[in-house]
N, C-alpha and C. Protein backbone atom coordinates (compact mmCIF):
# COMPACT_ATOMS: atom_id res chain seq x y z
N MET A 1 89.51 79.40 51.72
CA MET A 1 90.47 80.30 52.33
C MET A 1 89.77 81.13 53.41
N ALA A 2 90.42 81.29 54.56
CA ALA A 2 89.85 82.02 55.69
C ALA A 2 89.74 83.50 55.37
N LYS A 3 88.71 84.12 55.90
CA LYS A 3 88.50 85.55 55.73
C LYS A 3 89.59 86.31 56.47
N LYS A 4 90.20 87.28 55.81
CA LYS A 4 91.24 88.12 56.43
C LYS A 4 90.56 89.17 57.28
N MET A 5 90.88 89.19 58.57
CA MET A 5 90.30 90.19 59.46
C MET A 5 91.08 91.49 59.33
N GLU A 6 90.36 92.60 59.26
CA GLU A 6 90.99 93.90 59.11
C GLU A 6 91.00 94.69 60.41
N ASN A 7 90.28 94.22 61.39
CA ASN A 7 90.15 94.92 62.64
C ASN A 7 91.25 94.42 63.60
N ARG A 8 92.20 95.26 63.90
CA ARG A 8 93.33 94.87 64.75
C ARG A 8 92.86 94.44 66.15
N GLU A 9 91.85 95.11 66.67
CA GLU A 9 91.32 94.75 67.99
C GLU A 9 90.80 93.31 67.97
N ILE A 10 90.09 92.95 66.90
CA ILE A 10 89.56 91.59 66.75
C ILE A 10 90.71 90.59 66.67
N GLU A 11 91.69 90.89 65.86
CA GLU A 11 92.85 90.00 65.72
C GLU A 11 93.57 89.80 67.05
N ASP A 12 93.77 90.88 67.79
CA ASP A 12 94.47 90.80 69.07
C ASP A 12 93.67 89.98 70.09
N LEU A 13 92.35 90.18 70.12
CA LEU A 13 91.52 89.43 71.05
C LEU A 13 91.54 87.93 70.73
N CYS A 14 91.44 87.59 69.45
CA CYS A 14 91.51 86.17 69.06
C CYS A 14 92.86 85.58 69.47
N SER A 15 93.91 86.32 69.26
CA SER A 15 95.26 85.87 69.64
C SER A 15 95.36 85.69 71.15
N ASP A 16 94.78 86.62 71.90
CA ASP A 16 94.81 86.53 73.37
C ASP A 16 94.11 85.27 73.86
N PHE A 17 92.92 84.99 73.34
CA PHE A 17 92.19 83.80 73.78
C PHE A 17 92.91 82.52 73.36
N SER A 18 93.52 82.52 72.18
CA SER A 18 94.32 81.36 71.76
C SER A 18 95.50 81.14 72.70
N SER A 19 96.14 82.23 73.10
CA SER A 19 97.27 82.15 74.02
C SER A 19 96.83 81.64 75.39
N LEU A 20 95.68 82.10 75.87
CA LEU A 20 95.17 81.64 77.16
C LEU A 20 94.87 80.14 77.12
N LYS A 21 94.35 79.68 76.02
CA LYS A 21 94.07 78.25 75.84
C LYS A 21 95.36 77.45 75.93
N GLU A 22 96.39 77.93 75.26
CA GLU A 22 97.69 77.24 75.29
C GLU A 22 98.31 77.28 76.68
N GLN A 23 98.19 78.40 77.37
CA GLN A 23 98.72 78.50 78.73
C GLN A 23 98.04 77.49 79.65
N ALA A 24 96.73 77.36 79.53
CA ALA A 24 96.00 76.41 80.37
C ALA A 24 96.38 74.97 80.01
N ARG A 25 96.59 74.72 78.73
CA ARG A 25 97.01 73.38 78.31
C ARG A 25 98.36 73.04 78.93
N GLN A 26 99.31 73.95 78.84
CA GLN A 26 100.64 73.72 79.43
C GLN A 26 100.56 73.60 80.95
N LEU A 27 99.76 74.43 81.56
CA LEU A 27 99.61 74.44 83.01
C LEU A 27 99.13 73.08 83.52
N SER A 28 98.18 72.49 82.83
CA SER A 28 97.53 71.28 83.34
C SER A 28 98.06 69.98 82.72
N ALA A 29 98.92 70.07 81.73
CA ALA A 29 99.31 68.90 80.95
C ALA A 29 99.79 67.72 81.79
N ASP A 30 100.74 67.94 82.65
CA ASP A 30 101.33 66.83 83.42
C ASP A 30 100.87 66.84 84.87
N MET A 31 99.79 67.50 85.14
CA MET A 31 99.33 67.66 86.51
C MET A 31 98.46 66.48 86.94
N SER A 32 98.74 65.98 88.13
CA SER A 32 97.91 64.90 88.68
C SER A 32 96.62 65.49 89.25
N SER A 33 95.65 64.62 89.53
CA SER A 33 94.40 65.08 90.15
C SER A 33 94.68 65.70 91.51
N GLU A 34 95.61 65.11 92.26
CA GLU A 34 95.97 65.64 93.58
C GLU A 34 96.51 67.06 93.44
N GLN A 35 97.40 67.28 92.48
CA GLN A 35 97.97 68.61 92.27
C GLN A 35 96.89 69.60 91.81
N PHE A 36 96.00 69.15 90.95
CA PHE A 36 94.95 69.99 90.40
C PHE A 36 94.03 70.52 91.49
N LEU A 37 93.82 69.73 92.53
CA LEU A 37 92.89 70.10 93.60
C LEU A 37 93.57 70.66 94.85
N TRP A 38 94.91 70.61 94.90
CA TRP A 38 95.63 71.07 96.10
C TRP A 38 95.53 72.59 96.22
N LYS A 39 95.36 73.05 97.47
CA LYS A 39 95.37 74.49 97.71
C LYS A 39 96.19 74.80 98.95
N PRO A 40 96.85 75.95 98.95
CA PRO A 40 97.74 76.32 100.05
C PRO A 40 97.04 76.38 101.40
N ASP A 41 95.80 76.86 101.41
CA ASP A 41 94.99 76.86 102.63
C ASP A 41 93.53 76.98 102.22
N GLU A 42 92.64 76.90 103.18
CA GLU A 42 91.20 76.88 102.88
C GLU A 42 90.68 78.20 102.31
N GLN A 43 91.43 79.28 102.51
CA GLN A 43 91.00 80.59 102.01
C GLN A 43 91.42 80.82 100.58
N LYS A 44 92.27 79.96 100.04
CA LYS A 44 92.80 80.14 98.68
C LYS A 44 92.26 79.04 97.77
N TRP A 45 92.33 79.32 96.49
CA TRP A 45 91.82 78.37 95.50
C TRP A 45 92.92 77.46 94.98
N SER A 46 92.51 76.27 94.56
CA SER A 46 93.40 75.34 93.87
C SER A 46 93.47 75.74 92.39
N VAL A 47 94.36 75.08 91.64
CA VAL A 47 94.41 75.30 90.19
C VAL A 47 93.05 74.96 89.60
N GLY A 48 92.46 73.85 90.04
CA GLY A 48 91.16 73.44 89.54
C GLY A 48 90.07 74.46 89.82
N GLU A 49 90.10 75.03 91.01
CA GLU A 49 89.10 76.04 91.36
C GLU A 49 89.28 77.32 90.54
N CYS A 50 90.53 77.69 90.27
CA CYS A 50 90.77 78.86 89.41
C CYS A 50 90.14 78.65 88.05
N LEU A 51 90.38 77.48 87.44
CA LEU A 51 89.82 77.20 86.12
C LEU A 51 88.30 77.07 86.17
N ASP A 52 87.78 76.43 87.21
CA ASP A 52 86.33 76.25 87.31
C ASP A 52 85.63 77.61 87.49
N HIS A 53 86.25 78.51 88.21
CA HIS A 53 85.72 79.87 88.34
C HIS A 53 85.64 80.54 86.97
N LEU A 54 86.70 80.41 86.17
CA LEU A 54 86.69 81.00 84.84
C LEU A 54 85.63 80.34 83.96
N ASN A 55 85.44 79.04 84.14
CA ASN A 55 84.40 78.34 83.40
C ASN A 55 83.01 78.86 83.78
N ALA A 56 82.79 79.06 85.08
CA ALA A 56 81.49 79.55 85.55
C ALA A 56 81.20 80.92 84.94
N LEU A 57 82.20 81.79 84.93
CA LEU A 57 82.01 83.12 84.36
C LEU A 57 81.75 83.03 82.86
N GLY A 58 82.57 82.26 82.15
CA GLY A 58 82.41 82.14 80.70
C GLY A 58 81.05 81.58 80.31
N CYS A 59 80.61 80.57 81.04
CA CYS A 59 79.31 79.94 80.73
C CYS A 59 78.14 80.90 80.96
N LYS A 60 78.29 81.83 81.89
CA LYS A 60 77.23 82.82 82.14
C LYS A 60 77.31 84.00 81.17
N LEU A 61 78.53 84.40 80.82
CA LEU A 61 78.73 85.60 80.01
C LEU A 61 78.50 85.35 78.52
N LEU A 62 78.91 84.19 78.01
CA LEU A 62 78.82 83.95 76.57
C LEU A 62 77.41 84.05 76.00
N PRO A 63 76.37 83.53 76.66
CA PRO A 63 75.03 83.71 76.09
C PRO A 63 74.63 85.18 75.94
N ALA A 64 75.01 86.01 76.91
CA ALA A 64 74.71 87.44 76.83
C ALA A 64 75.47 88.08 75.67
N ILE A 65 76.71 87.65 75.48
CA ILE A 65 77.52 88.17 74.37
C ILE A 65 76.92 87.74 73.03
N ARG A 66 76.52 86.49 72.92
CA ARG A 66 75.90 86.00 71.67
C ARG A 66 74.65 86.82 71.34
N GLN A 67 73.82 87.06 72.35
CA GLN A 67 72.59 87.83 72.13
C GLN A 67 72.90 89.25 71.70
N ALA A 68 73.91 89.85 72.31
CA ALA A 68 74.29 91.22 71.95
C ALA A 68 74.81 91.29 70.52
N ILE A 69 75.59 90.30 70.13
CA ILE A 69 76.11 90.27 68.75
C ILE A 69 74.96 90.06 67.76
N ASP A 70 74.06 89.15 68.09
CA ASP A 70 72.88 88.94 67.23
C ASP A 70 72.09 90.24 67.08
N ARG A 71 71.88 90.93 68.20
CA ARG A 71 71.16 92.20 68.19
C ARG A 71 71.90 93.24 67.34
N GLY A 72 73.24 93.27 67.47
CA GLY A 72 74.03 94.20 66.69
C GLY A 72 73.91 93.95 65.19
N HIS A 73 73.94 92.69 64.79
CA HIS A 73 73.77 92.36 63.37
C HIS A 73 72.35 92.70 62.91
N ARG A 74 71.37 92.33 63.70
CA ARG A 74 69.97 92.56 63.35
C ARG A 74 69.68 94.07 63.19
N ASN A 75 70.26 94.87 64.07
CA ASN A 75 69.99 96.32 64.06
C ASN A 75 71.03 97.12 63.28
N GLY A 76 71.98 96.44 62.68
CA GLY A 76 72.98 97.14 61.86
C GLY A 76 73.86 98.09 62.65
N ILE A 77 74.26 97.70 63.86
CA ILE A 77 75.10 98.57 64.69
C ILE A 77 76.56 98.33 64.29
N VAL A 78 76.97 98.98 63.24
CA VAL A 78 78.30 98.78 62.67
C VAL A 78 79.11 100.07 62.79
N ALA A 79 80.41 99.89 62.76
CA ALA A 79 81.32 101.04 62.78
C ALA A 79 82.71 100.56 62.42
N GLU A 80 83.52 101.50 62.01
CA GLU A 80 84.92 101.22 61.68
C GLU A 80 85.79 101.40 62.93
N PRO A 81 86.73 100.49 63.15
CA PRO A 81 87.67 100.67 64.26
C PRO A 81 88.66 101.77 63.91
N PRO A 82 89.42 102.24 64.86
CA PRO A 82 89.53 101.78 66.24
C PRO A 82 88.41 102.36 67.10
N PHE A 83 88.14 101.66 68.21
CA PHE A 83 87.08 102.06 69.12
C PHE A 83 87.69 102.65 70.39
N THR A 84 87.05 103.71 70.89
CA THR A 84 87.48 104.34 72.13
C THR A 84 86.41 104.05 73.17
N TYR A 85 86.84 103.51 74.31
CA TYR A 85 85.91 103.09 75.34
C TYR A 85 85.84 104.12 76.46
N GLY A 86 84.71 104.17 77.11
CA GLY A 86 84.48 105.12 78.19
C GLY A 86 85.24 104.77 79.46
N PHE A 87 85.15 105.68 80.42
CA PHE A 87 85.89 105.53 81.68
C PHE A 87 85.54 104.23 82.40
N LEU A 88 84.25 103.93 82.54
CA LEU A 88 83.85 102.74 83.28
C LEU A 88 84.38 101.47 82.62
N SER A 89 84.27 101.39 81.31
CA SER A 89 84.78 100.21 80.60
C SER A 89 86.28 100.07 80.78
N ARG A 90 87.00 101.17 80.63
CA ARG A 90 88.47 101.11 80.79
C ARG A 90 88.85 100.72 82.21
N ALA A 91 88.14 101.29 83.20
CA ALA A 91 88.43 100.97 84.60
C ALA A 91 88.13 99.51 84.91
N PHE A 92 87.06 98.99 84.35
CA PHE A 92 86.69 97.59 84.57
C PHE A 92 87.75 96.65 84.01
N VAL A 93 88.24 96.95 82.82
CA VAL A 93 89.31 96.14 82.22
C VAL A 93 90.56 96.22 83.08
N ARG A 94 90.98 97.42 83.45
CA ARG A 94 92.19 97.60 84.29
C ARG A 94 92.04 96.88 85.62
N GLY A 95 90.85 96.93 86.20
CA GLY A 95 90.62 96.28 87.49
C GLY A 95 90.72 94.77 87.44
N ASN A 96 90.60 94.20 86.26
CA ASN A 96 90.70 92.75 86.09
C ASN A 96 92.10 92.28 85.68
N GLU A 97 92.97 93.20 85.38
CA GLU A 97 94.34 92.85 84.98
C GLU A 97 95.07 92.14 86.12
N PRO A 98 96.00 91.24 85.79
CA PRO A 98 96.77 90.56 86.84
C PRO A 98 97.51 91.51 87.78
N SER A 99 97.92 92.67 87.26
CA SER A 99 98.68 93.62 88.06
C SER A 99 97.80 94.50 88.96
N SER A 100 96.50 94.42 88.77
CA SER A 100 95.59 95.28 89.54
C SER A 100 95.58 94.87 91.02
N ARG A 101 95.50 95.87 91.87
CA ARG A 101 95.39 95.62 93.31
C ARG A 101 93.92 95.58 93.74
N TRP A 102 93.04 95.78 92.77
CA TRP A 102 91.61 95.79 93.02
C TRP A 102 91.16 94.38 93.40
N LYS A 103 90.62 94.23 94.59
CA LYS A 103 90.11 92.94 95.08
C LYS A 103 88.60 93.01 95.07
N MET A 104 88.00 91.95 94.56
CA MET A 104 86.55 91.91 94.52
C MET A 104 86.09 90.55 95.00
N LYS A 105 85.11 90.54 95.85
CA LYS A 105 84.55 89.28 96.32
C LYS A 105 83.85 88.60 95.15
N THR A 106 84.04 87.29 95.04
CA THR A 106 83.46 86.54 93.94
C THR A 106 81.95 86.38 94.14
N PHE A 107 81.20 86.74 93.12
CA PHE A 107 79.76 86.57 93.18
C PHE A 107 79.43 85.07 93.21
N ARG A 108 78.35 84.74 93.91
CA ARG A 108 77.95 83.34 94.09
C ARG A 108 77.87 82.59 92.75
N ILE A 109 77.34 83.23 91.71
CA ILE A 109 77.16 82.54 90.44
C ILE A 109 78.48 82.20 89.75
N TYR A 110 79.58 82.81 90.21
CA TYR A 110 80.89 82.55 89.61
C TYR A 110 81.79 81.71 90.51
N LYS A 111 81.29 81.32 91.67
CA LYS A 111 82.13 80.54 92.59
C LYS A 111 82.43 79.17 91.99
N PRO A 112 83.66 78.69 92.20
CA PRO A 112 83.99 77.35 91.69
C PRO A 112 83.25 76.28 92.48
N ASP A 113 83.09 75.14 91.85
CA ASP A 113 82.47 74.01 92.51
C ASP A 113 83.37 73.54 93.65
N THR A 114 82.83 72.74 94.55
CA THR A 114 83.66 72.19 95.64
C THR A 114 84.64 71.19 95.06
N ALA A 115 85.78 71.07 95.71
CA ALA A 115 86.87 70.22 95.20
C ALA A 115 86.42 68.79 94.94
N VAL A 116 85.54 68.25 95.76
CA VAL A 116 85.12 66.86 95.57
C VAL A 116 84.36 66.67 94.26
N ASN A 117 83.81 67.75 93.70
CA ASN A 117 83.08 67.65 92.44
C ASN A 117 83.92 68.01 91.22
N LEU A 118 85.16 68.42 91.43
CA LEU A 118 86.01 68.83 90.31
C LEU A 118 86.89 67.69 89.83
N GLU A 119 86.84 67.44 88.55
CA GLU A 119 87.74 66.47 87.94
C GLU A 119 88.54 67.21 86.89
N LYS A 120 89.82 66.95 86.85
CA LYS A 120 90.73 67.71 86.01
C LYS A 120 90.32 67.71 84.54
N ASP A 121 90.16 66.55 83.94
CA ASP A 121 89.92 66.51 82.49
C ASP A 121 88.66 67.25 82.06
N PRO A 122 87.52 67.05 82.72
CA PRO A 122 86.33 67.82 82.30
C PRO A 122 86.47 69.33 82.52
N VAL A 123 87.09 69.73 83.63
CA VAL A 123 87.26 71.17 83.89
C VAL A 123 88.14 71.81 82.83
N VAL A 124 89.24 71.15 82.50
CA VAL A 124 90.15 71.68 81.48
C VAL A 124 89.46 71.69 80.12
N ALA A 125 88.72 70.63 79.80
CA ALA A 125 88.02 70.56 78.51
C ALA A 125 87.01 71.69 78.36
N VAL A 126 86.29 71.99 79.42
CA VAL A 126 85.32 73.10 79.36
C VAL A 126 86.06 74.42 79.14
N PHE A 127 87.17 74.62 79.85
CA PHE A 127 87.94 75.86 79.68
C PHE A 127 88.41 75.99 78.23
N MET A 128 88.94 74.92 77.66
CA MET A 128 89.42 74.96 76.28
C MET A 128 88.29 75.30 75.32
N GLN A 129 87.13 74.67 75.51
CA GLN A 129 85.99 74.93 74.64
C GLN A 129 85.52 76.37 74.77
N LEU A 130 85.53 76.90 75.98
CA LEU A 130 85.12 78.29 76.17
C LEU A 130 86.03 79.26 75.43
N GLN A 131 87.32 78.96 75.38
CA GLN A 131 88.23 79.85 74.64
C GLN A 131 87.86 79.85 73.16
N ASP A 132 87.57 78.65 72.63
CA ASP A 132 87.14 78.57 71.23
C ASP A 132 85.82 79.31 71.02
N ASP A 133 84.91 79.19 71.98
CA ASP A 133 83.62 79.89 71.88
C ASP A 133 83.81 81.41 71.90
N PHE A 134 84.71 81.90 72.75
CA PHE A 134 84.98 83.35 72.77
C PHE A 134 85.56 83.79 71.43
N ILE A 135 86.49 83.01 70.89
CA ILE A 135 87.09 83.36 69.60
C ILE A 135 86.01 83.40 68.51
N GLU A 136 85.12 82.44 68.52
CA GLU A 136 84.02 82.41 67.55
C GLU A 136 83.17 83.67 67.65
N GLN A 137 82.84 84.08 68.87
CA GLN A 137 82.00 85.27 69.05
C GLN A 137 82.76 86.54 68.67
N ILE A 138 84.04 86.58 68.95
CA ILE A 138 84.85 87.74 68.55
C ILE A 138 84.84 87.87 67.04
N LYS A 139 85.02 86.77 66.35
CA LYS A 139 85.01 86.80 64.88
C LYS A 139 83.63 87.22 64.36
N ARG A 140 82.57 86.75 65.01
CA ARG A 140 81.21 87.15 64.62
C ARG A 140 80.98 88.65 64.81
N SER A 141 81.71 89.25 65.73
CA SER A 141 81.51 90.67 66.02
C SER A 141 82.30 91.59 65.09
N ASP A 142 83.11 91.00 64.22
CA ASP A 142 83.90 91.82 63.29
C ASP A 142 82.97 92.66 62.41
N GLY A 143 83.21 93.94 62.38
CA GLY A 143 82.38 94.87 61.62
C GLY A 143 81.35 95.59 62.46
N LEU A 144 81.04 95.03 63.62
CA LEU A 144 80.09 95.68 64.52
C LEU A 144 80.78 96.78 65.32
N ASP A 145 79.97 97.65 65.90
CA ASP A 145 80.50 98.71 66.75
C ASP A 145 80.70 98.14 68.15
N LEU A 146 81.93 97.76 68.46
CA LEU A 146 82.25 97.12 69.74
C LEU A 146 82.09 98.08 70.92
N ARG A 147 81.98 99.37 70.65
CA ARG A 147 81.80 100.36 71.71
C ARG A 147 80.32 100.58 72.01
N ARG A 148 79.48 100.65 71.00
CA ARG A 148 78.05 100.98 71.20
C ARG A 148 77.21 99.79 71.63
N ILE A 149 77.60 98.58 71.28
CA ILE A 149 76.81 97.41 71.67
C ILE A 149 77.10 97.11 73.13
N ARG A 150 76.04 97.08 73.93
CA ARG A 150 76.17 96.90 75.38
C ARG A 150 75.77 95.48 75.79
N VAL A 151 76.44 95.00 76.83
CA VAL A 151 76.15 93.68 77.39
C VAL A 151 76.01 93.84 78.90
N ALA A 152 74.91 93.34 79.43
CA ALA A 152 74.69 93.40 80.88
C ALA A 152 75.48 92.30 81.57
N SER A 153 76.00 92.62 82.73
CA SER A 153 76.70 91.63 83.55
C SER A 153 75.71 90.58 84.02
N PRO A 154 76.08 89.29 83.94
CA PRO A 154 75.19 88.25 84.48
C PRO A 154 75.02 88.37 86.00
N ALA A 155 75.97 88.97 86.69
CA ALA A 155 75.92 89.09 88.15
C ALA A 155 75.22 90.37 88.61
N ILE A 156 75.45 91.46 87.89
CA ILE A 156 74.88 92.76 88.23
C ILE A 156 74.22 93.31 86.98
N ARG A 157 72.94 93.08 86.81
CA ARG A 157 72.24 93.43 85.57
C ARG A 157 72.36 94.92 85.23
N MET A 158 72.52 95.77 86.23
CA MET A 158 72.63 97.20 85.96
C MET A 158 73.99 97.58 85.38
N LEU A 159 74.98 96.70 85.54
CA LEU A 159 76.30 96.96 84.97
C LEU A 159 76.28 96.55 83.50
N ARG A 160 76.28 97.55 82.65
CA ARG A 160 76.25 97.30 81.21
C ARG A 160 77.50 97.91 80.60
N LEU A 161 78.33 97.04 80.06
CA LEU A 161 79.58 97.48 79.44
C LEU A 161 79.53 97.21 77.95
N SER A 162 80.41 97.89 77.23
CA SER A 162 80.49 97.68 75.79
C SER A 162 81.00 96.26 75.51
N LEU A 163 80.62 95.74 74.36
CA LEU A 163 81.03 94.40 73.94
C LEU A 163 82.55 94.27 73.92
N GLY A 164 83.22 95.25 73.36
CA GLY A 164 84.69 95.22 73.30
C GLY A 164 85.32 95.20 74.68
N ALA A 165 84.73 95.96 75.61
CA ALA A 165 85.26 95.97 76.98
C ALA A 165 85.08 94.62 77.64
N TRP A 166 83.94 93.95 77.40
CA TRP A 166 83.74 92.62 77.97
C TRP A 166 84.77 91.63 77.46
N PHE A 167 85.06 91.69 76.16
CA PHE A 167 86.08 90.80 75.62
C PHE A 167 87.43 91.06 76.29
N SER A 168 87.81 92.33 76.38
CA SER A 168 89.11 92.68 76.98
C SER A 168 89.15 92.36 78.46
N ALA A 169 88.06 92.62 79.18
CA ALA A 169 88.02 92.32 80.61
C ALA A 169 88.10 90.82 80.85
N THR A 170 87.49 90.03 79.97
CA THR A 170 87.54 88.57 80.12
C THR A 170 88.96 88.08 79.92
N VAL A 171 89.66 88.61 78.94
CA VAL A 171 91.07 88.26 78.73
C VAL A 171 91.86 88.61 79.98
N ALA A 172 91.69 89.82 80.49
CA ALA A 172 92.43 90.27 81.67
C ALA A 172 92.12 89.38 82.88
N HIS A 173 90.85 89.05 83.06
CA HIS A 173 90.43 88.23 84.19
C HIS A 173 91.01 86.82 84.09
N GLU A 174 91.01 86.26 82.90
CA GLU A 174 91.58 84.92 82.74
C GLU A 174 93.09 84.94 82.99
N LYS A 175 93.77 85.96 82.50
CA LYS A 175 95.21 86.09 82.77
C LYS A 175 95.46 86.16 84.28
N ARG A 176 94.62 86.90 84.96
CA ARG A 176 94.77 87.08 86.40
C ARG A 176 94.66 85.74 87.13
N HIS A 177 93.66 84.93 86.77
CA HIS A 177 93.47 83.67 87.48
C HIS A 177 94.44 82.58 87.03
N LEU A 178 94.93 82.64 85.80
CA LEU A 178 95.99 81.70 85.40
C LEU A 178 97.28 82.03 86.14
N LYS A 179 97.52 83.32 86.36
CA LYS A 179 98.67 83.72 87.17
C LYS A 179 98.51 83.23 88.61
N GLN A 180 97.28 83.32 89.14
CA GLN A 180 96.99 82.80 90.48
C GLN A 180 97.26 81.29 90.53
N ALA A 181 96.86 80.57 89.49
CA ALA A 181 97.09 79.12 89.43
C ALA A 181 98.59 78.81 89.42
N HIS A 182 99.36 79.61 88.70
CA HIS A 182 100.82 79.43 88.69
C HIS A 182 101.41 79.67 90.09
N ARG A 183 100.87 80.65 90.81
CA ARG A 183 101.36 80.90 92.17
C ARG A 183 101.08 79.70 93.07
N VAL A 184 99.93 79.05 92.90
CA VAL A 184 99.61 77.85 93.68
C VAL A 184 100.67 76.79 93.42
N MET A 185 101.05 76.63 92.18
CA MET A 185 102.04 75.60 91.81
C MET A 185 103.43 75.92 92.35
N GLN A 186 103.71 77.20 92.61
CA GLN A 186 105.01 77.59 93.13
C GLN A 186 105.08 77.57 94.65
N ASP A 187 103.95 77.31 95.28
CA ASP A 187 103.91 77.24 96.74
C ASP A 187 104.79 76.09 97.21
N PRO A 188 105.58 76.28 98.28
CA PRO A 188 106.46 75.20 98.77
C PRO A 188 105.71 73.92 99.14
N GLY A 189 104.44 74.01 99.50
CA GLY A 189 103.69 72.83 99.87
C GLY A 189 103.04 72.10 98.72
N PHE A 190 103.19 72.64 97.49
CA PHE A 190 102.56 72.01 96.34
C PHE A 190 103.07 70.57 96.16
N PRO A 191 102.17 69.59 96.01
CA PRO A 191 102.60 68.19 95.93
C PRO A 191 103.56 67.92 94.79
N ALA A 192 104.55 67.11 95.06
CA ALA A 192 105.49 66.70 94.03
C ALA A 192 104.84 65.70 93.09
N LYS A 193 105.40 65.59 91.92
CA LYS A 193 104.86 64.62 90.95
C LYS A 193 105.19 63.21 91.37
């Protein structure tokens, strides 16, 4: 029998990543390779580039999260929820929400691969696996102090946010780019099936 989680924040985060996985599955299910790589213009991303960008971020961030959780367990950094996050953490999460007007240039390490190197099935498979990996790490963090455990940004090492904020910001960021992918599909020039 599965362990019952008592931390509502943990439960909500696991649910969010499961939902994002399902959204990506539905988004890409009947999509052709041409549709997956089509973009409205050279300045905008295709559906494939949106997902590949999220994959690049997840692949860089997850090792840092794993190490932080290991450190938290090793050092006994535990606390009871709910957790209250500081201004910077809250602002970072809000800035990544789909509704945010905050625009940020993509760091080189998170840029999607060129379209000629993107294939739909592998890109989608990596995205799906990353969602499972995030859920696994969230479950591993149950009981830890999600506010006190810090994780450095893979892009800006001086940016250190709480573990809980990274989980929430990742959810917000993925929602933002899945929404962007939906906008690509709604463009009048999007290829027909």
